[in-house]
Amino acid sequence: AQGEAVQQLREALKILAERVLILEHMIGVHG
């Protein structure tokens, strides 16, 4: 069960990181 939780956490972090990269890209373009 713990391994499954870790897997879900990794997926969430990966999605979050992608969103941050997109946000930085948009800010960089407009800035």
N, C-alpha and C. Protein backbone atom coordinates (compact mmCIF):
# COMPACT_ATOMS: atom_id res chain seq x y z
N ALA A 1 0.84 -1.21 0.00
CA ALA A 1 0.00 0.00 0.00
C ALA A 1 0.87 1.25 0.00
N GLN A 2 2.01 1.16 0.70
CA GLN A 2 2.89 2.33 0.78
C GLN A 2 3.49 2.63 -0.58
N GLY A 3 3.88 1.59 -1.31
CA GLY A 3 4.45 1.79 -2.64
C GLY A 3 3.46 2.47 -3.56
N GLU A 4 2.18 2.11 -3.42
CA GLU A 4 1.15 2.73 -4.27
C GLU A 4 1.01 4.21 -3.95
N ALA A 5 1.10 4.55 -2.67
CA ALA A 5 1.00 5.95 -2.25
C ALA A 5 2.17 6.74 -2.80
N VAL A 6 3.36 6.14 -2.76
CA VAL A 6 4.55 6.81 -3.28
C VAL A 6 4.40 7.05 -4.77
N GLN A 7 3.83 6.06 -5.47
CA GLN A 7 3.64 6.19 -6.92
C GLN A 7 2.70 7.35 -7.22
N GLN A 8 1.62 7.45 -6.45
CA GLN A 8 0.66 8.55 -6.66
C GLN A 8 1.31 9.89 -6.36
N LEU A 9 2.17 9.92 -5.33
CA LEU A 9 2.85 11.16 -4.96
C LEU A 9 3.79 11.59 -6.07
N ARG A 10 4.50 10.62 -6.66
CA ARG A 10 5.42 10.94 -7.76
C ARG A 10 4.64 11.50 -8.95
N GLU A 11 3.49 10.91 -9.26
CA GLU A 11 2.67 11.40 -10.37
C GLU A 11 2.23 12.83 -10.11
N ALA A 12 1.79 13.11 -8.88
CA ALA A 12 1.33 14.45 -8.52
C ALA A 12 2.47 15.46 -8.64
N LEU A 13 3.65 15.07 -8.17
CA LEU A 13 4.80 15.98 -8.23
C LEU A 13 5.21 16.24 -9.67
N LYS A 14 5.11 15.20 -10.51
CA LYS A 14 5.48 15.37 -11.92
C LYS A 14 4.53 16.35 -12.59
N ILE A 15 3.23 16.23 -12.32
CA ILE A 15 2.24 17.14 -12.90
C ILE A 15 2.49 18.56 -12.40
N LEU A 16 2.78 18.68 -11.11
CA LEU A 16 3.03 20.00 -10.52
C LEU A 16 4.26 20.64 -11.14
N ALA A 17 5.31 19.85 -11.33
CA ALA A 17 6.55 20.37 -11.92
C ALA A 17 6.29 20.85 -13.35
N GLU A 18 5.48 20.09 -14.10
CA GLU A 18 5.18 20.48 -15.47
C GLU A 18 4.42 21.80 -15.49
N ARG A 19 3.48 21.97 -14.57
CA ARG A 19 2.70 23.21 -14.51
C ARG A 19 3.60 24.39 -14.16
N VAL A 20 4.54 24.18 -13.25
CA VAL A 20 5.47 25.25 -12.85
C VAL A 20 6.33 25.65 -14.04
N LEU A 21 6.80 24.65 -14.81
CA LEU A 21 7.63 24.94 -15.97
C LEU A 21 6.84 25.75 -17.00
N ILE A 22 5.58 25.38 -17.21
CA ILE A 22 4.73 26.11 -18.16
C ILE A 22 4.53 27.54 -17.67
N LEU A 23 4.29 27.69 -16.36
CA LEU A 23 4.07 29.01 -15.78
C LEU A 23 5.31 29.87 -15.95
N GLU A 24 6.50 29.29 -15.66
CA GLU A 24 7.74 30.05 -15.81
C GLU A 24 7.96 30.44 -17.26
N HIS A 25 7.60 29.54 -18.17
CA HIS A 25 7.77 29.83 -19.60
C HIS A 25 6.88 31.01 -20.00
N MET A 26 5.62 30.99 -19.53
CA MET A 26 4.69 32.07 -19.88
C MET A 26 5.17 33.39 -19.29
N ILE A 27 5.63 33.35 -18.04
CA ILE A 27 6.12 34.58 -17.40
C ILE A 27 7.36 35.08 -18.13
N GLY A 28 8.22 34.15 -18.53
CA GLY A 28 9.44 34.53 -19.24
C GLY A 28 9.13 35.16 -20.58
N VAL A 29 8.13 34.64 -21.27
CA VAL A 29 7.76 35.18 -22.58
C VAL A 29 7.19 36.58 -22.41
N HIS A 30 6.29 36.76 -21.43
CA HIS A 30 5.65 38.06 -21.25
C HIS A 30 6.58 39.05 -20.56
N GLY A 31 7.54 38.54 -19.75
CA GLY A 31 8.43 39.42 -19.01
C GLY A 31 9.53 39.93 -19.93
